[in-house]
Amino acid sequence: AYTLVSFLLNLGVTYGLSLLPTLTRLADRAAQNPLYQSALVFAFAAALPLAIGGTLLAPGIMDLVFGRSYRPAGLALALLIWSLVPAFFRNVAQSALVAVGESPRVLRATLISAVTNTVLNLVLIPPFGMAGAAISTITTEAIRTVITFQYASFAGFRLPALSRALRPLGSAACMFVVLRLAADLPLVVEIAAGGLTFLAALTAFGGVVWSRRGLPEFKC
C-alpha cells in the first residue's frame, strides 16, 4: 500500500521543489506570499481528490496493481492515502523556508517527526498491525506539517483564506457522489469517472479556466 502512496508523495515533493527557484528570486514576503498561498490551495486541490478516491477505491486498486492476494491491504491504503494532504501542504511550506534560508528549521521539524513516528510505531503497530502503522504515518505527517507551518509563519509566510478551499471542496464532493453511484462499474471506469467529474466540477465552479489552446489555468 505504501508503494502507491510513496509514488504520489514524490509527486508532491517534486511540485514543492519546483516552487523553490521562484520563491528564492522574489525579493520579499509581499512578493512571495501570493505564490505561497496559491501553491497551498493548488496542493489541496491536488491531494484532496486523490485521498477521497483512494479511500473509496482502495481494495480494487490493490487488487488491480498487485493482485487479489493483496486486496486486504486496501485498508492500509485507504488510511495511508490521507497522508497526502498534509504532506502536499508541507512540501510547499518547506520550500518557502528553504528559499529564505531557514533550512535548519526544516531539519528540526524532520527530526521531531522521526522521533514521533518511532514512538507511535512502537505503540500502535503491536495491537493494530498495518492499520496502526498507517495511523502512525498520518499522525506524524500531520504533526510535521503543523510544525512546518508554524515555522513558516515565524518567517513571515501567511496562510490563504479558507474561502479559497471552497471550490476544490465542492468539486471533491461532486466526485464523491459520482464514485458512490459508479461503485458497481469496473475500477478503471470508476477512476476515469471520478477524475473527469472533479475536473469538470472545478471548471464549472471557476477554479480552472481553459485557454484557447486547451491548456488549464488554476484560478482558486
Protein backbone atom coordinates (compact mmCIF):
# COMPACT_ATOMS: atom_id res chain seq x y z
CA ALA A 1 0.00 0.00 0.00
CA TYR A 2 2.77 2.42 0.84
CA THR A 3 4.42 1.80 -2.55
CA LEU A 4 1.50 3.56 -4.23
CA VAL A 5 1.35 6.31 -1.63
CA SER A 6 5.11 6.86 -1.87
CA PHE A 7 4.83 7.42 -5.62
CA LEU A 8 2.20 10.11 -5.07
CA LEU A 9 4.21 11.66 -2.22
CA ASN A 10 7.16 12.01 -4.58
CA LEU A 11 4.96 13.96 -6.98
CA GLY A 12 4.20 16.34 -4.12
CA VAL A 13 7.90 16.70 -3.34
CA THR A 14 8.60 17.49 -6.99
CA TYR A 15 5.93 20.18 -7.01
CA GLY A 16 7.33 21.73 -3.85
CA LEU A 17 10.83 21.80 -5.30
CA SER A 18 9.56 23.40 -8.49
CA LEU A 19 8.50 26.42 -6.41
CA LEU A 20 11.93 26.89 -4.87
CA PRO A 21 13.67 28.89 -7.65
CA THR A 22 10.82 31.39 -7.98
CA LEU A 23 10.39 31.83 -4.23
CA THR A 24 14.13 32.39 -3.91
CA ARG A 25 14.20 35.04 -6.65
CA LEU A 26 11.31 37.06 -5.23
CA ALA A 27 12.56 39.92 -3.13
CA ASP A 28 10.37 39.93 -0.02
CA ARG A 29 7.35 38.39 1.70
CA ALA A 30 4.97 40.77 -0.06
CA ALA A 31 6.01 39.20 -3.35
CA GLN A 32 6.42 35.65 -2.03
CA ASN A 33 3.13 35.31 -0.14
CA PRO A 34 0.77 35.33 -3.16
CA LEU A 35 2.72 32.46 -4.75
CA TYR A 36 2.96 30.64 -1.43
CA GLN A 37 -0.77 30.90 -0.80
CA SER A 38 -1.76 29.89 -4.34
CA ALA A 39 0.60 26.91 -4.15
CA LEU A 40 -1.04 25.74 -0.92
CA VAL A 41 -4.50 25.93 -2.50
CA PHE A 42 -3.26 24.04 -5.55
CA ALA A 43 -1.69 21.38 -3.31
CA PHE A 44 -5.04 21.00 -1.54
CA ALA A 45 -6.90 20.73 -4.85
CA ALA A 46 -4.50 18.01 -5.98
CA ALA A 47 -4.33 15.98 -2.76
CA LEU A 48 -8.00 16.00 -1.72
CA PRO A 49 -9.44 14.11 -4.72
CA LEU A 50 -6.58 11.61 -4.56
CA ALA A 51 -7.34 10.98 -0.88
CA ILE A 52 -11.08 10.63 -1.35
CA GLY A 53 -10.78 8.48 -4.47
CA GLY A 54 -8.05 6.38 -2.93
CA THR A 55 -10.17 5.69 0.14
CA LEU A 56 -13.25 4.65 -1.83
CA LEU A 57 -11.37 2.53 -4.36
CA ALA A 58 -8.54 1.19 -2.18
CA PRO A 59 -9.31 -2.57 -2.26
CA GLY A 60 -9.84 -2.54 -6.01
CA ILE A 61 -6.65 -0.57 -6.58
CA MET A 62 -4.60 -3.06 -4.57
CA ASP A 63 -6.22 -5.91 -6.49
CA LEU A 64 -5.53 -4.28 -9.85
CA VAL A 65 -1.92 -3.30 -9.18
CA PHE A 66 -0.63 -6.18 -7.04
CA GLY A 67 -3.16 -8.99 -7.38
CA ARG A 68 -6.08 -10.36 -5.38
CA SER A 69 -3.87 -11.68 -2.56
CA TYR A 70 -3.00 -8.05 -1.69
CA ARG A 71 -6.63 -6.92 -1.54
CA PRO A 72 -6.69 -6.94 2.31
CA ALA A 73 -4.05 -4.18 2.20
CA GLY A 74 -6.81 -1.94 0.89
CA LEU A 75 -7.49 -0.89 4.48
CA ALA A 76 -3.92 0.35 4.88
CA LEU A 77 -4.11 2.20 1.56
CA ALA A 78 -7.45 3.78 2.49
CA LEU A 79 -5.81 5.20 5.62
CA LEU A 80 -2.35 5.98 4.25
CA ILE A 81 -3.70 7.90 1.27
CA TRP A 82 -4.78 10.68 3.63
CA SER A 83 -1.15 11.40 4.46
CA LEU A 84 -1.02 13.08 1.03
CA VAL A 85 -2.99 16.09 2.22
CA PRO A 86 -0.64 17.28 5.00
CA ALA A 87 2.42 16.13 3.03
CA PHE A 88 1.48 18.19 -0.05
CA PHE A 89 0.94 21.21 2.21
CA ARG A 90 4.24 20.65 3.98
CA ASN A 91 6.22 20.45 0.74
CA VAL A 92 5.12 23.98 -0.13
CA ALA A 93 5.96 25.33 3.33
CA GLN A 94 9.35 23.58 3.33
CA SER A 95 10.30 25.13 0.01
CA ALA A 96 9.32 28.54 1.34
CA LEU A 97 11.55 28.04 4.40
CA VAL A 98 14.49 26.86 2.32
CA ALA A 99 14.03 29.83 -0.05
CA VAL A 100 14.54 32.29 2.81
CA GLY A 101 17.47 30.48 4.43
CA GLU A 102 15.52 28.63 7.14
CA SER A 103 16.79 25.12 6.33
CA PRO A 104 17.72 24.43 10.00
CA ARG A 105 14.04 24.70 10.91
CA VAL A 106 13.15 22.19 8.20
CA LEU A 107 15.71 19.80 9.67
CA ARG A 108 14.34 20.38 13.17
CA ALA A 109 10.80 19.55 12.05
CA THR A 110 12.07 16.42 10.33
CA LEU A 111 13.90 15.22 13.44
CA ILE A 112 10.85 15.82 15.63
CA SER A 113 8.66 13.88 13.22
CA ALA A 114 11.15 10.99 13.05
CA VAL A 115 11.09 10.61 16.83
CA THR A 116 7.30 10.94 16.88
CA ASN A 117 6.89 8.28 14.19
CA THR A 118 9.16 5.85 16.03
CA VAL A 119 7.21 6.22 19.27
CA LEU A 120 3.85 5.89 17.53
CA ASN A 121 5.01 2.79 15.67
CA LEU A 122 6.04 1.14 18.92
CA VAL A 123 2.68 1.99 20.49
CA LEU A 124 0.28 1.34 17.62
CA ILE A 125 1.72 -1.46 15.47
CA PRO A 126 1.70 -4.31 18.05
CA PRO A 127 -2.04 -4.03 18.82
CA PHE A 128 -3.33 -2.79 15.43
CA GLY A 129 -0.90 -4.14 12.83
CA MET A 130 -0.80 -2.43 9.44
CA ALA A 131 -3.73 -0.18 10.38
CA GLY A 132 -1.66 1.06 13.33
CA ALA A 133 1.29 1.73 11.04
CA ALA A 134 -0.97 3.73 8.73
CA ILE A 135 -2.40 5.77 11.60
CA SER A 136 1.14 6.42 12.84
CA THR A 137 2.16 7.71 9.42
CA ILE A 138 -0.85 10.01 9.08
CA THR A 139 -0.41 11.40 12.58
CA THR A 140 3.28 12.00 12.02
CA GLU A 141 2.64 13.78 8.73
CA ALA A 142 0.02 16.00 10.38
CA ILE A 143 2.32 16.93 13.28
CA ARG A 144 5.23 17.61 10.94
CA THR A 145 3.03 19.82 8.77
CA VAL A 146 1.73 21.83 11.72
CA ILE A 147 5.29 22.43 12.94
CA THR A 148 6.44 23.43 9.45
CA PHE A 149 3.51 25.83 9.07
CA GLN A 150 4.39 27.36 12.41
CA TYR A 151 7.98 27.92 11.32
CA ALA A 152 6.77 29.37 8.02
CA SER A 153 4.54 31.75 9.95
CA PHE A 154 7.52 32.86 12.06
CA ALA A 155 9.33 33.56 8.77
CA GLY A 156 6.52 35.81 7.55
CA PHE A 157 4.52 33.45 5.33
CA ARG A 158 0.74 33.67 5.66
CA LEU A 159 -1.89 31.00 5.02
CA PRO A 160 -4.52 31.63 2.32
CA ALA A 161 -8.10 32.50 3.18
CA LEU A 162 -10.22 29.44 3.95
CA SER A 163 -12.71 30.58 1.29
CA ARG A 164 -10.19 29.63 -1.39
CA ALA A 165 -10.70 25.97 -0.48
CA LEU A 166 -14.43 26.04 -1.28
CA ARG A 167 -14.11 25.28 -5.00
CA PRO A 168 -11.86 22.24 -4.51
CA LEU A 169 -14.12 21.05 -1.67
CA GLY A 170 -17.24 21.39 -3.79
CA SER A 171 -15.57 19.61 -6.70
CA ALA A 172 -14.41 16.79 -4.43
CA ALA A 173 -17.96 16.42 -3.09
CA CYS A 174 -19.27 16.02 -6.65
CA MET A 175 -16.58 13.43 -7.32
CA PHE A 176 -17.53 11.54 -4.16
CA VAL A 177 -21.17 11.30 -5.26
CA VAL A 178 -20.22 10.04 -8.73
CA LEU A 179 -17.86 7.42 -7.29
CA ARG A 180 -20.57 6.14 -4.98
CA LEU A 181 -23.02 5.91 -7.86
CA ALA A 182 -20.43 4.15 -10.03
CA ALA A 183 -19.48 1.63 -7.33
CA ASP A 184 -20.51 -1.39 -9.42
CA LEU A 185 -18.61 -0.36 -12.55
CA PRO A 186 -15.10 -1.62 -13.47
CA LEU A 187 -12.34 0.06 -11.49
CA VAL A 188 -10.78 1.80 -14.50
CA VAL A 189 -14.16 3.32 -15.35
CA GLU A 190 -14.61 4.48 -11.75
CA ILE A 191 -11.20 6.15 -11.74
CA ALA A 192 -11.87 7.90 -15.04
CA ALA A 193 -15.35 8.99 -13.94
CA GLY A 194 -14.05 10.36 -10.65
CA GLY A 195 -11.18 12.27 -12.22
CA LEU A 196 -13.28 13.76 -15.01
CA THR A 197 -16.03 14.72 -12.57
CA PHE A 198 -13.61 16.56 -10.31
CA LEU A 199 -12.08 18.44 -13.23
CA ALA A 200 -15.46 19.27 -14.75
CA ALA A 201 -16.83 20.49 -11.41
CA LEU A 202 -13.75 22.58 -10.71
CA THR A 203 -14.13 24.13 -14.17
CA ALA A 204 -17.83 24.80 -13.60
CA PHE A 205 -17.06 26.46 -10.25
CA GLY A 206 -14.47 28.69 -11.91
CA GLY A 207 -11.47 27.06 -10.29
CA VAL A 208 -9.97 26.15 -13.66
CA VAL A 209 -10.06 28.26 -16.82
CA TRP A 210 -9.17 26.73 -20.17
CA SER A 211 -7.19 28.70 -22.76
CA ARG A 212 -7.92 28.66 -26.46
CA ARG A 213 -5.15 26.09 -26.86
CA GLY A 214 -6.91 23.80 -24.40
CA LEU A 215 -4.47 24.39 -21.54
CA PRO A 216 -5.85 24.69 -18.00
CA GLU A 217 -5.09 27.64 -15.71
CA PHE A 218 -5.70 27.23 -11.99
CA LYS A 219 -7.78 30.11 -10.58
CA CYS A 220 -8.64 29.13 -6.99
